Amino acid sequence: MNSKNFEMLRHDYAELASLGGIAELYAQPDPASSLIKMRLFVERVVARIICRRG
């Protein structure tokens, strides 16, 4: 999934780029699904931050 706003992450964080792209795609037709994907995105970002510190 190519994304206008998240594609820059693909090289190092393919999963995050995909989640962001899907959230972006669903934003207009299905906002609830978009929010679920963005929640997963943020949870994965936080997990990466915590793992780097610990």
C-alpha atoms as a PDB file:
ATOM      1  CA  MET A   1       0.000   0.000   0.000  1.00  0.00           C
ATOM      2  CA  ASN A   2       1.590   3.246  -1.107  1.00  0.00           C
ATOM      3  CA  SER A   3       0.810   6.184   1.104  1.00  0.00           C
ATOM      4  CA  LYS A   4       1.135   9.894   0.627  1.00  0.00           C
ATOM      5  CA  ASN A   5       2.070  10.499   4.263  1.00  0.00           C
ATOM      6  CA  PHE A   6       3.635   7.257   5.505  1.00  0.00           C
ATOM      7  CA  GLU A   7       5.684   5.967   2.569  1.00  0.00           C
ATOM      8  CA  MET A   8       8.868   7.518   3.982  1.00  0.00           C
ATOM      9  CA  LEU A   9       8.770   4.853   6.720  1.00  0.00           C
ATOM     10  CA  ARG A  10       8.689   1.883   4.327  1.00  0.00           C
ATOM     11  CA  HIS A  11      12.452   1.367   4.032  1.00  0.00           C
ATOM     12  CA  ASP A  12      13.014   0.888   7.761  1.00  0.00           C
ATOM     13  CA  TYR A  13       9.509   0.235   9.101  1.00  0.00           C
ATOM     14  CA  ALA A  14       7.425  -1.525   6.458  1.00  0.00           C
ATOM     15  CA  GLU A  15       4.720  -2.565   8.920  1.00  0.00           C
ATOM     16  CA  LEU A  16       4.227   1.009  10.119  1.00  0.00           C
ATOM     17  CA  ALA A  17       4.079   2.301   6.549  1.00  0.00           C
ATOM     18  CA  SER A  18       1.423  -0.264   5.688  1.00  0.00           C
ATOM     19  CA  LEU A  19      -0.695   0.469   8.754  1.00  0.00           C
ATOM     20  CA  GLY A  20      -0.503   4.192   8.100  1.00  0.00           C
ATOM     21  CA  GLY A  21      -1.364   3.721   4.438  1.00  0.00           C
ATOM     22  CA  ILE A  22      -4.391   1.609   5.241  1.00  0.00           C
ATOM     23  CA  ALA A  23      -5.557   4.136   7.833  1.00  0.00           C
ATOM     24  CA  GLU A  24      -5.139   6.879   5.263  1.00  0.00           C
ATOM     25  CA  LEU A  25      -7.120   4.898   2.679  1.00  0.00           C
ATOM     26  CA  TYR A  26      -9.995   4.230   5.100  1.00  0.00           C
ATOM     27  CA  ALA A  27     -10.160   7.771   6.533  1.00  0.00           C
ATOM     28  CA  GLN A  28     -13.087   8.933   4.387  1.00  0.00           C
ATOM     29  CA  PRO A  29     -15.108   5.780   3.621  1.00  0.00           C
ATOM     30  CA  ASP A  30     -14.729   4.093   7.026  1.00  0.00           C
ATOM     31  CA  PRO A  31     -13.413   6.386   9.781  1.00  0.00           C
ATOM     32  CA  ALA A  32     -13.857   3.765  12.531  1.00  0.00           C
ATOM     33  CA  SER A  33     -11.585   1.310  10.724  1.00  0.00           C
ATOM     34  CA  SER A  34      -9.111   4.107  10.094  1.00  0.00           C
ATOM     35  CA  LEU A  35      -8.966   4.828  13.833  1.00  0.00           C
ATOM     36  CA  ILE A  36      -8.355   1.153  14.598  1.00  0.00           C
ATOM     37  CA  LYS A  37      -5.422   1.074  12.165  1.00  0.00           C
ATOM     38  CA  MET A  38      -4.015   4.288  13.619  1.00  0.00           C
ATOM     39  CA  ARG A  39      -4.284   2.823  17.112  1.00  0.00           C
ATOM     40  CA  LEU A  40      -2.267  -0.188  15.960  1.00  0.00           C
ATOM     41  CA  PHE A  41       0.236   2.192  14.352  1.00  0.00           C
ATOM     42  CA  VAL A  42       0.708   4.151  17.591  1.00  0.00           C
ATOM     43  CA  GLU A  43       0.928   0.974  19.695  1.00  0.00           C
ATOM     44  CA  ARG A  44       3.709  -0.347  17.451  1.00  0.00           C
ATOM     45  CA  VAL A  45       5.584   2.970  17.608  1.00  0.00           C
ATOM     46  CA  VAL A  46       5.364   3.011  21.408  1.00  0.00           C
ATOM     47  CA  ALA A  47       6.522  -0.608  21.589  1.00  0.00           C
ATOM     48  CA  ARG A  48       9.579   0.270  19.498  1.00  0.00           C
ATOM     49  CA  ILE A  49      10.376   3.241  21.750  1.00  0.00           C
ATOM     50  CA  ILE A  50      10.037   1.167  24.922  1.00  0.00           C
ATOM     51  CA  CYS A  51      12.162  -1.683  23.549  1.00  0.00           C
ATOM     52  CA  ARG A  52      14.965   0.712  22.620  1.00  0.00           C
ATOM     53  CA  ARG A  53      15.081   2.190  26.112  1.00  0.00           C
ATOM     54  CA  GLY A  54      14.835  -1.086  27.994  1.00  0.00           C
END
